[in-house]
N, C-alpha and C. Protein backbone atom coordinates (compact mmCIF):
# COMPACT_ATOMS: atom_id res chain seq x y z
N MET A 1 61.25 78.56 120.33
CA MET A 1 62.42 78.58 119.49
C MET A 1 63.26 77.34 119.77
N LEU A 2 63.60 76.62 118.74
CA LEU A 2 64.35 75.37 118.88
C LEU A 2 65.74 75.61 119.48
N PHE A 3 66.32 76.77 119.17
CA PHE A 3 67.65 77.12 119.66
C PHE A 3 67.70 77.10 121.18
N PHE A 4 66.60 77.47 121.84
CA PHE A 4 66.57 77.56 123.30
C PHE A 4 65.98 76.32 123.96
N LYS A 5 65.66 75.27 123.23
CA LYS A 5 64.94 74.11 123.77
C LYS A 5 65.83 73.08 124.46
N ARG A 6 67.12 73.17 124.35
CA ARG A 6 67.98 72.16 124.98
C ARG A 6 67.89 72.22 126.49
N ARG A 7 68.21 71.12 127.11
CA ARG A 7 68.16 71.04 128.57
C ARG A 7 69.32 71.85 129.17
N PRO A 8 69.10 72.49 130.32
CA PRO A 8 70.13 73.33 130.94
C PRO A 8 71.44 72.59 131.20
N ASN A 9 71.40 71.31 131.61
CA ASN A 9 72.65 70.60 131.89
C ASN A 9 73.46 70.35 130.62
N LYS A 10 72.79 70.16 129.48
CA LYS A 10 73.50 69.99 128.20
C LYS A 10 74.15 71.31 127.77
N ILE A 11 73.39 72.39 127.95
CA ILE A 11 73.92 73.71 127.60
C ILE A 11 75.11 74.05 128.50
N ALA A 12 75.03 73.73 129.77
CA ALA A 12 76.13 73.99 130.71
C ALA A 12 77.37 73.20 130.32
N ALA A 13 77.19 71.96 129.90
CA ALA A 13 78.34 71.14 129.48
C ALA A 13 78.99 71.76 128.24
N THR A 14 78.18 72.22 127.30
CA THR A 14 78.71 72.88 126.10
C THR A 14 79.46 74.15 126.48
N THR A 15 78.91 74.89 127.42
CA THR A 15 79.54 76.13 127.87
C THR A 15 80.91 75.85 128.50
N ARG A 16 80.99 74.80 129.30
CA ARG A 16 82.29 74.44 129.90
C ARG A 16 83.31 74.09 128.82
N SER A 17 82.90 73.41 127.77
CA SER A 17 83.81 73.07 126.67
C SER A 17 84.29 74.34 125.97
N TRP A 18 83.37 75.26 125.68
CA TRP A 18 83.76 76.51 125.03
C TRP A 18 84.69 77.33 125.92
N ARG A 19 84.45 77.28 127.23
CA ARG A 19 85.30 78.02 128.18
C ARG A 19 86.73 77.49 128.14
N LYS A 20 86.89 76.17 128.05
CA LYS A 20 88.23 75.57 127.97
C LYS A 20 88.93 75.99 126.69
N VAL A 21 88.21 75.97 125.57
CA VAL A 21 88.79 76.39 124.29
C VAL A 21 89.20 77.87 124.37
N HIS A 22 88.30 78.69 124.89
CA HIS A 22 88.55 80.13 125.00
C HIS A 22 89.78 80.41 125.85
N ARG A 23 89.88 79.73 126.99
CA ARG A 23 91.01 79.92 127.90
C ARG A 23 92.32 79.47 127.24
N ALA A 24 92.31 78.31 126.61
CA ALA A 24 93.54 77.77 126.00
C ALA A 24 94.05 78.69 124.89
N VAL A 25 93.16 79.12 124.01
CA VAL A 25 93.57 80.00 122.91
C VAL A 25 94.06 81.33 123.47
N SER A 26 93.36 81.86 124.46
CA SER A 26 93.75 83.14 125.07
C SER A 26 95.14 83.08 125.70
N ILE A 27 95.39 82.02 126.44
CA ILE A 27 96.69 81.89 127.12
C ILE A 27 97.83 81.80 126.11
N VAL A 28 97.62 81.06 125.04
CA VAL A 28 98.68 80.87 124.04
C VAL A 28 98.93 82.16 123.24
N LEU A 29 97.88 82.90 122.90
CA LEU A 29 98.03 84.01 121.96
C LEU A 29 97.98 85.41 122.58
N VAL A 30 97.81 85.52 123.90
CA VAL A 30 97.61 86.83 124.51
C VAL A 30 98.77 87.79 124.24
N LEU A 31 99.99 87.35 124.29
CA LEU A 31 101.13 88.23 124.05
C LEU A 31 101.13 88.74 122.60
N PHE A 32 100.83 87.85 121.67
CA PHE A 32 100.79 88.25 120.26
C PHE A 32 99.65 89.24 119.99
N PHE A 33 98.49 89.02 120.64
CA PHE A 33 97.39 89.96 120.49
C PHE A 33 97.77 91.33 121.05
N ALA A 34 98.51 91.35 122.14
CA ALA A 34 98.97 92.62 122.72
C ALA A 34 99.91 93.35 121.76
N VAL A 35 100.80 92.60 121.11
CA VAL A 35 101.71 93.20 120.13
C VAL A 35 100.93 93.76 118.95
N ILE A 36 99.96 93.00 118.46
CA ILE A 36 99.14 93.46 117.33
C ILE A 36 98.34 94.70 117.72
N ALA A 37 97.75 94.69 118.91
CA ALA A 37 96.96 95.84 119.36
C ALA A 37 97.83 97.08 119.54
N GLY A 38 98.97 96.92 120.20
CA GLY A 38 99.87 98.06 120.43
C GLY A 38 100.42 98.63 119.13
N SER A 39 100.88 97.76 118.25
CA SER A 39 101.42 98.23 116.98
C SER A 39 100.32 98.81 116.10
N GLY A 40 99.12 98.25 116.17
CA GLY A 40 97.99 98.80 115.41
C GLY A 40 97.64 100.21 115.87
N LEU A 41 97.67 100.44 117.19
CA LEU A 41 97.44 101.79 117.71
C LEU A 41 98.50 102.77 117.20
N LEU A 42 99.75 102.35 117.24
CA LEU A 42 100.82 103.22 116.75
C LEU A 42 100.66 103.51 115.27
N LEU A 43 100.28 102.51 114.48
CA LEU A 43 100.08 102.73 113.04
C LEU A 43 98.90 103.66 112.77
N GLY A 44 97.87 103.55 113.58
CA GLY A 44 96.73 104.45 113.42
C GLY A 44 97.09 105.90 113.69
N TRP A 45 98.04 106.11 114.57
CA TRP A 45 98.46 107.45 114.97
C TRP A 45 99.77 107.89 114.31
N LYS A 46 100.29 107.12 113.35
CA LYS A 46 101.64 107.35 112.84
C LYS A 46 101.91 108.77 112.34
N LYS A 47 100.94 109.39 111.71
CA LYS A 47 101.16 110.76 111.22
C LYS A 47 101.10 111.77 112.35
N ASN A 48 100.35 111.47 113.39
CA ASN A 48 100.18 112.41 114.50
C ASN A 48 101.33 112.35 115.50
N ILE A 49 102.06 111.25 115.53
CA ILE A 49 103.16 111.12 116.50
C ILE A 49 104.51 110.98 115.81
N ASP A 50 104.57 111.43 114.57
CA ASP A 50 105.82 111.53 113.80
C ASP A 50 106.56 110.21 113.61
N LEU A 51 105.83 109.14 113.39
CA LEU A 51 106.47 107.87 113.02
C LEU A 51 106.72 107.81 111.52
N LEU A 52 106.11 108.72 110.80
CA LEU A 52 106.22 108.80 109.35
C LEU A 52 106.80 110.17 109.01
N PRO A 53 107.89 110.23 108.23
CA PRO A 53 108.46 111.54 107.89
C PRO A 53 107.43 112.42 107.16
N LYS A 54 107.43 113.69 107.50
CA LYS A 54 106.52 114.63 106.84
C LYS A 54 106.92 114.78 105.37
N THR A 55 105.93 114.91 104.52
CA THR A 55 106.19 115.11 103.09
C THR A 55 106.57 116.56 102.86
N THR A 56 107.70 116.76 102.19
CA THR A 56 108.19 118.11 101.92
C THR A 56 107.51 118.68 100.68
N LEU A 57 107.69 119.96 100.45
CA LEU A 57 107.10 120.64 99.31
C LEU A 57 108.19 120.94 98.28
N GLY A 58 107.92 120.53 97.04
CA GLY A 58 108.85 120.80 95.95
C GLY A 58 108.58 122.16 95.33
N VAL A 59 109.39 122.54 94.34
CA VAL A 59 109.24 123.86 93.72
C VAL A 59 108.18 123.89 92.62
N ALA A 60 107.75 122.72 92.14
CA ALA A 60 106.76 122.69 91.05
C ALA A 60 105.64 121.69 91.33
N PRO A 61 104.85 121.95 92.39
CA PRO A 61 103.74 121.03 92.65
C PRO A 61 102.71 121.07 91.53
N ASN A 62 102.14 119.91 91.24
CA ASN A 62 101.12 119.73 90.20
C ASN A 62 101.56 120.23 88.83
N GLN A 63 102.87 120.16 88.55
CA GLN A 63 103.38 120.58 87.24
C GLN A 63 104.35 119.52 86.71
N PRO A 64 103.82 118.31 86.40
CA PRO A 64 104.70 117.21 86.00
C PRO A 64 105.50 117.48 84.72
N ASN A 65 105.08 118.41 83.91
CA ASN A 65 105.85 118.74 82.71
C ASN A 65 107.18 119.41 83.04
N GLN A 66 107.34 119.88 84.28
CA GLN A 66 108.58 120.51 84.71
C GLN A 66 109.48 119.57 85.52
N TRP A 67 109.03 118.35 85.72
CA TRP A 67 109.76 117.42 86.57
C TRP A 67 110.82 116.66 85.79
N LEU A 68 111.81 116.20 86.53
CA LEU A 68 112.82 115.31 85.96
C LEU A 68 112.19 113.94 85.72
N SER A 69 112.83 113.11 84.93
CA SER A 69 112.30 111.77 84.67
C SER A 69 112.45 110.89 85.92
N ILE A 70 111.64 109.86 85.98
CA ILE A 70 111.74 108.91 87.10
C ILE A 70 113.13 108.27 87.12
N ALA A 71 113.66 107.98 85.94
CA ALA A 71 115.01 107.39 85.87
C ALA A 71 116.05 108.32 86.48
N ALA A 72 115.98 109.61 86.18
CA ALA A 72 116.94 110.57 86.73
C ALA A 72 116.78 110.70 88.25
N LEU A 73 115.53 110.78 88.71
CA LEU A 73 115.28 110.89 90.16
C LEU A 73 115.74 109.62 90.89
N THR A 74 115.48 108.47 90.28
CA THR A 74 115.91 107.19 90.87
C THR A 74 117.43 107.15 90.98
N ASN A 75 118.10 107.59 89.96
CA ASN A 75 119.57 107.61 89.95
C ASN A 75 120.11 108.49 91.08
N ILE A 76 119.51 109.65 91.28
CA ILE A 76 119.95 110.56 92.35
C ILE A 76 119.77 109.89 93.72
N ALA A 77 118.58 109.31 93.94
CA ALA A 77 118.28 108.71 95.25
C ALA A 77 119.16 107.50 95.53
N THR A 78 119.31 106.61 94.56
CA THR A 78 120.10 105.39 94.79
C THR A 78 121.59 105.70 94.95
N ASN A 79 122.09 106.66 94.20
CA ASN A 79 123.50 107.06 94.37
C ASN A 79 123.74 107.66 95.75
N TYR A 80 122.80 108.48 96.22
CA TYR A 80 122.95 109.09 97.54
C TYR A 80 122.96 108.01 98.63
N VAL A 81 122.03 107.08 98.54
CA VAL A 81 121.95 106.03 99.56
C VAL A 81 123.20 105.14 99.55
N ALA A 82 123.64 104.78 98.35
CA ALA A 82 124.81 103.90 98.25
C ALA A 82 126.09 104.62 98.66
N ASP A 83 126.27 105.86 98.20
CA ASP A 83 127.52 106.58 98.44
C ASP A 83 127.57 107.27 99.81
N SER A 84 126.58 108.07 100.11
CA SER A 84 126.59 108.87 101.34
C SER A 84 126.18 108.07 102.57
N LEU A 85 125.15 107.25 102.45
CA LEU A 85 124.67 106.48 103.60
C LEU A 85 125.33 105.11 103.70
N GLN A 86 125.93 104.67 102.60
CA GLN A 86 126.57 103.36 102.50
C GLN A 86 125.61 102.24 102.90
N LYS A 87 124.42 102.33 102.32
CA LYS A 87 123.39 101.31 102.53
C LYS A 87 122.98 100.75 101.17
N SER A 88 122.24 99.66 101.21
CA SER A 88 121.75 99.05 99.99
C SER A 88 120.83 100.01 99.24
N ALA A 89 120.98 100.07 97.93
CA ALA A 89 120.18 100.98 97.10
C ALA A 89 118.99 100.28 96.45
N ALA A 90 118.70 99.05 96.87
CA ALA A 90 117.55 98.33 96.31
C ALA A 90 116.26 99.01 96.76
N ILE A 91 115.46 99.42 95.78
CA ILE A 91 114.24 100.18 96.06
C ILE A 91 113.07 99.24 96.30
N SER A 92 112.30 99.55 97.33
CA SER A 92 111.06 98.82 97.61
C SER A 92 109.90 99.47 96.87
N ARG A 93 109.79 100.78 96.97
CA ARG A 93 108.72 101.49 96.27
C ARG A 93 109.07 102.96 96.07
N ILE A 94 108.38 103.54 95.10
CA ILE A 94 108.53 104.96 94.79
C ILE A 94 107.15 105.58 94.94
N ASP A 95 107.06 106.61 95.76
CA ASP A 95 105.79 107.27 96.05
C ASP A 95 105.86 108.70 95.55
N ILE A 96 105.11 108.99 94.49
CA ILE A 96 105.11 110.34 93.91
C ILE A 96 103.93 111.11 94.48
N ARG A 97 104.19 112.29 95.00
CA ARG A 97 103.14 113.16 95.53
C ARG A 97 102.98 114.38 94.61
N PRO A 98 102.12 114.27 93.61
CA PRO A 98 101.98 115.36 92.63
C PRO A 98 101.62 116.71 93.25
N GLU A 99 100.71 116.69 94.26
CA GLU A 99 100.28 117.94 94.88
C GLU A 99 101.39 118.62 95.67
N LYS A 100 102.45 117.89 95.97
CA LYS A 100 103.60 118.44 96.69
C LYS A 100 104.81 118.62 95.78
N GLY A 101 104.79 117.99 94.61
CA GLY A 101 105.95 118.06 93.71
C GLY A 101 107.14 117.31 94.28
N THR A 102 106.85 116.24 95.03
CA THR A 102 107.88 115.49 95.74
C THR A 102 107.77 114.01 95.41
N VAL A 103 108.90 113.33 95.38
CA VAL A 103 108.91 111.88 95.21
C VAL A 103 109.66 111.27 96.39
N LYS A 104 109.09 110.18 96.93
CA LYS A 104 109.70 109.49 98.07
C LYS A 104 110.22 108.14 97.58
N PHE A 105 111.44 107.83 97.95
CA PHE A 105 112.03 106.52 97.67
C PHE A 105 112.15 105.76 98.98
N VAL A 106 111.58 104.57 99.00
CA VAL A 106 111.63 103.71 100.19
C VAL A 106 112.43 102.48 99.78
N PHE A 107 113.34 102.06 100.64
CA PHE A 107 114.29 101.02 100.27
C PHE A 107 113.94 99.67 100.87
N LYS A 108 114.37 98.65 100.18
CA LYS A 108 113.99 97.27 100.48
C LYS A 108 114.67 96.70 101.72
N ASN A 109 115.94 97.00 101.92
CA ASN A 109 116.72 96.33 102.96
C ASN A 109 116.97 97.17 104.21
N HIS A 110 116.35 98.34 104.28
CA HIS A 110 116.44 99.19 105.46
C HIS A 110 115.23 100.12 105.47
N PHE A 111 115.07 100.89 106.52
CA PHE A 111 113.87 101.69 106.70
C PHE A 111 114.12 103.17 106.43
N THR A 112 114.95 103.45 105.45
CA THR A 112 115.27 104.82 105.09
C THR A 112 114.34 105.31 104.00
N GLU A 113 113.95 106.58 104.12
CA GLU A 113 113.17 107.24 103.07
C GLU A 113 113.95 108.45 102.60
N VAL A 114 114.08 108.58 101.28
CA VAL A 114 114.72 109.75 100.69
C VAL A 114 113.66 110.48 99.87
N GLN A 115 113.46 111.77 100.19
CA GLN A 115 112.51 112.59 99.45
C GLN A 115 113.28 113.55 98.55
N LEU A 116 112.86 113.58 97.28
CA LEU A 116 113.49 114.48 96.31
C LEU A 116 112.46 115.45 95.76
N ASP A 117 112.92 116.64 95.40
CA ASP A 117 112.09 117.57 94.66
C ASP A 117 111.98 117.04 93.23
N CYS A 118 110.78 116.88 92.74
CA CYS A 118 110.59 116.29 91.40
C CYS A 118 111.16 117.17 90.29
N ALA A 119 111.19 118.48 90.47
CA ALA A 119 111.65 119.38 89.42
C ALA A 119 113.16 119.56 89.42
N THR A 120 113.76 119.66 90.60
CA THR A 120 115.20 119.97 90.67
C THR A 120 116.05 118.74 90.99
N GLY A 121 115.45 117.72 91.60
CA GLY A 121 116.21 116.56 92.03
C GLY A 121 116.93 116.78 93.35
N ASP A 122 116.70 117.94 93.97
CA ASP A 122 117.33 118.23 95.26
C ASP A 122 116.79 117.28 96.33
N ILE A 123 117.68 116.84 97.20
CA ILE A 123 117.26 115.98 98.32
C ILE A 123 116.63 116.88 99.36
N ARG A 124 115.36 116.63 99.64
CA ARG A 124 114.59 117.44 100.59
C ARG A 124 114.59 116.84 101.99
N SER A 125 114.67 115.51 102.07
CA SER A 125 114.60 114.86 103.37
C SER A 125 115.20 113.47 103.28
N VAL A 126 115.93 113.10 104.32
CA VAL A 126 116.40 111.73 104.51
C VAL A 126 116.02 111.37 105.93
N ALA A 127 115.16 110.36 106.08
CA ALA A 127 114.66 110.03 107.42
C ALA A 127 114.36 108.55 107.53
N GLN A 128 114.26 108.11 108.78
CA GLN A 128 113.85 106.73 109.06
C GLN A 128 112.33 106.64 108.99
N ARG A 129 111.84 105.57 108.38
CA ARG A 129 110.41 105.30 108.33
C ARG A 129 110.08 104.32 109.46
N ASN A 130 109.95 104.84 110.66
CA ASN A 130 109.65 104.00 111.82
C ASN A 130 108.32 103.29 111.66
N SER A 131 107.40 103.90 110.93
CA SER A 131 106.09 103.28 110.72
C SER A 131 106.23 101.97 109.93
N ASP A 132 107.18 101.91 109.01
CA ASP A 132 107.39 100.66 108.24
C ASP A 132 107.91 99.55 109.15
N PHE A 133 108.80 99.91 110.08
CA PHE A 133 109.30 98.93 111.05
C PHE A 133 108.16 98.41 111.92
N ILE A 134 107.33 99.33 112.41
CA ILE A 134 106.19 98.94 113.25
C ILE A 134 105.19 98.10 112.45
N GLU A 135 104.99 98.45 111.19
CA GLU A 135 104.09 97.66 110.33
C GLU A 135 104.60 96.23 110.19
N LYS A 136 105.90 96.06 110.06
CA LYS A 136 106.47 94.72 109.95
C LYS A 136 106.30 93.93 111.26
N ILE A 137 106.38 94.62 112.38
CA ILE A 137 106.10 93.96 113.66
C ILE A 137 104.63 93.57 113.71
N HIS A 138 103.77 94.48 113.28
CA HIS A 138 102.32 94.27 113.33
C HIS A 138 101.89 93.04 112.53
N ASP A 139 102.43 92.87 111.33
CA ASP A 139 101.98 91.75 110.49
C ASP A 139 102.91 90.53 110.54
N GLY A 140 103.95 90.58 111.37
CA GLY A 140 104.84 89.44 111.54
C GLY A 140 105.93 89.32 110.50
N SER A 141 105.95 90.22 109.53
CA SER A 141 106.96 90.11 108.47
C SER A 141 108.35 90.56 108.94
N ILE A 142 108.46 91.04 110.17
CA ILE A 142 109.77 91.45 110.70
C ILE A 142 110.73 90.26 110.76
N VAL A 143 110.20 89.08 111.07
CA VAL A 143 111.05 87.88 111.12
C VAL A 143 111.55 87.55 109.72
N ASP A 144 110.66 87.60 108.73
CA ASP A 144 111.08 87.34 107.35
C ASP A 144 112.07 88.40 106.88
N PHE A 145 111.89 89.65 107.31
CA PHE A 145 112.80 90.74 106.93
C PHE A 145 114.23 90.45 107.37
N PHE A 146 114.39 89.94 108.60
CA PHE A 146 115.73 89.69 109.12
C PHE A 146 116.26 88.29 108.78
N VAL A 147 115.38 87.32 108.54
CA VAL A 147 115.80 85.94 108.36
C VAL A 147 115.69 85.47 106.91
N ASN A 148 114.51 85.64 106.32
CA ASN A 148 114.23 85.04 105.00
C ASN A 148 114.15 86.05 103.87
N LYS A 149 114.70 87.20 104.00
CA LYS A 149 114.68 88.32 103.06
C LYS A 149 113.62 88.27 101.95
N ASP A 150 113.65 87.26 101.08
CA ASP A 150 112.76 87.26 99.92
C ASP A 150 111.56 86.33 100.06
N GLN A 151 111.28 85.86 101.26
CA GLN A 151 110.16 84.95 101.46
C GLN A 151 109.24 85.51 102.52
N SER A 152 108.04 84.98 102.58
CA SER A 152 107.08 85.46 103.57
C SER A 152 106.46 84.32 104.35
N PHE A 153 107.25 83.26 104.60
CA PHE A 153 106.73 82.08 105.30
C PHE A 153 106.24 82.43 106.70
N PHE A 154 107.05 83.16 107.46
CA PHE A 154 106.65 83.48 108.83
C PHE A 154 105.42 84.38 108.85
N LYS A 155 105.40 85.38 107.98
CA LYS A 155 104.26 86.28 107.94
C LYS A 155 102.97 85.52 107.65
N LEU A 156 102.99 84.64 106.67
CA LEU A 156 101.79 83.87 106.33
C LEU A 156 101.37 82.96 107.48
N SER A 157 102.32 82.33 108.13
CA SER A 157 102.01 81.46 109.26
C SER A 157 101.43 82.28 110.42
N TYR A 158 102.10 83.38 110.73
CA TYR A 158 101.70 84.25 111.84
C TYR A 158 100.30 84.81 111.62
N THR A 159 100.05 85.37 110.44
CA THR A 159 98.73 85.95 110.20
C THR A 159 97.64 84.89 110.16
N SER A 160 97.96 83.70 109.67
CA SER A 160 96.97 82.61 109.66
C SER A 160 96.63 82.18 111.09
N ILE A 161 97.65 81.97 111.91
CA ILE A 161 97.42 81.56 113.30
C ILE A 161 96.66 82.64 114.06
N MET A 162 97.07 83.88 113.90
CA MET A 162 96.41 84.96 114.64
C MET A 162 94.98 85.16 114.16
N GLY A 163 94.75 85.09 112.86
CA GLY A 163 93.40 85.24 112.33
C GLY A 163 92.48 84.12 112.79
N LEU A 164 92.97 82.88 112.71
CA LEU A 164 92.17 81.75 113.18
C LEU A 164 91.95 81.81 114.69
N GLY A 165 92.98 82.24 115.43
CA GLY A 165 92.84 82.39 116.88
C GLY A 165 91.79 83.43 117.24
N LEU A 166 91.81 84.56 116.55
CA LEU A 166 90.81 85.59 116.81
C LEU A 166 89.40 85.12 116.44
N LEU A 167 89.29 84.39 115.34
CA LEU A 167 87.99 83.83 114.95
C LEU A 167 87.49 82.84 116.00
N LEU A 168 88.37 81.98 116.48
CA LEU A 168 87.99 81.00 117.51
C LEU A 168 87.60 81.69 118.82
N LEU A 169 88.34 82.74 119.20
CA LEU A 169 87.97 83.49 120.40
C LEU A 169 86.62 84.19 120.24
N SER A 170 86.34 84.69 119.04
CA SER A 170 85.04 85.33 118.79
C SER A 170 83.91 84.32 118.90
N LEU A 171 84.10 83.16 118.28
CA LEU A 171 83.06 82.12 118.34
C LEU A 171 82.85 81.61 119.77
N SER A 172 83.93 81.30 120.45
CA SER A 172 83.79 80.79 121.81
C SER A 172 83.23 81.88 122.73
N GLY A 173 83.63 83.12 122.52
CA GLY A 173 83.09 84.23 123.31
C GLY A 173 81.59 84.39 123.10
N PHE A 174 81.14 84.21 121.86
CA PHE A 174 79.71 84.28 121.59
C PHE A 174 78.96 83.21 122.39
N TRP A 175 79.47 81.98 122.35
CA TRP A 175 78.79 80.90 123.08
C TRP A 175 78.87 81.11 124.59
N LEU A 176 79.96 81.66 125.08
CA LEU A 176 80.05 81.96 126.51
C LEU A 176 79.07 83.07 126.92
N TRP A 177 78.72 83.93 125.99
CA TRP A 177 77.76 85.00 126.25
C TRP A 177 76.31 84.50 126.13
N ILE A 178 76.03 83.71 125.08
CA ILE A 178 74.64 83.32 124.80
C ILE A 178 74.16 82.15 125.67
N ASN A 179 75.03 81.22 126.02
CA ASN A 179 74.59 80.04 126.75
C ASN A 179 73.98 80.33 128.12
N PRO A 180 74.52 81.25 128.92
CA PRO A 180 73.82 81.57 130.18
C PRO A 180 72.40 82.09 129.95
N LYS A 181 72.20 82.83 128.87
CA LYS A 181 70.86 83.31 128.54
C LYS A 181 69.96 82.14 128.16
N ARG A 182 70.52 81.18 127.45
CA ARG A 182 69.75 80.00 127.06
C ARG A 182 69.36 79.18 128.30
N ILE A 183 70.28 79.05 129.24
CA ILE A 183 70.01 78.29 130.47
C ILE A 183 68.89 78.98 131.26
N ARG A 184 69.00 80.33 131.42
CA ARG A 184 67.98 81.06 132.16
C ARG A 184 66.60 80.91 131.49
N ARG A 185 66.58 81.04 130.18
CA ARG A 185 65.31 80.92 129.46
C ARG A 185 64.73 79.52 129.61
N SER A 186 65.59 78.52 129.54
CA SER A 186 65.13 77.13 129.68
C SER A 186 64.56 76.89 131.07
N LYS A 187 65.24 77.44 132.09
CA LYS A 187 64.76 77.27 133.46
C LYS A 187 63.45 78.03 133.70
N ASN A 188 63.33 79.21 133.10
CA ASN A 188 62.13 80.00 133.25
C ASN A 188 60.92 79.34 132.55
N ASN A 189 61.19 78.57 131.53
CA ASN A 189 60.13 77.87 130.80
C ASN A 189 59.77 76.54 131.46
N GLY A 190 60.45 76.21 132.55
CA GLY A 190 60.12 75.01 133.31
C GLY A 190 60.73 73.73 132.78
N ASN A 191 61.80 73.78 132.02
CA ASN A 191 62.46 72.56 131.52
C ASN A 191 63.47 72.04 132.49
């Protein structure tokens, strides 16, 4: 096999180069990888450890003909957030759960979730979405959330650097694993 035909001293020199790259990238990015790993674990378990508010049950699940309009439900949620919580009423997303007869409103400028009964408009739950905060830490958009509100410069930079760093660590790790095998094979073949 041509792949294994190089001389052991050449392979060893290549291995030393890959080791330097691997060490340098690891030292620079280890803290960020720890944050990504820790936050990823929390996100994987978010429903089991109550980082995400439980979805409540409305009075008319799977009966959309009995529900209020989205405009009416939106008006109830935004008025409650603006008046009672005195927070921004700018909506990030609306999550309708037909099987529960519930609609969730998630807001753009804070991590509050308001759940309404789709049929009555009653407020069923007001809670913090800690999972959204952790998700922003996980993907780096937390900096943009606090600094650049409507831009994603930091998130794009962070995910690009981390993705390229992980790719480089994978490649260098492969060569650090395979090269000793290549050296042994070369020596066993009498080169």
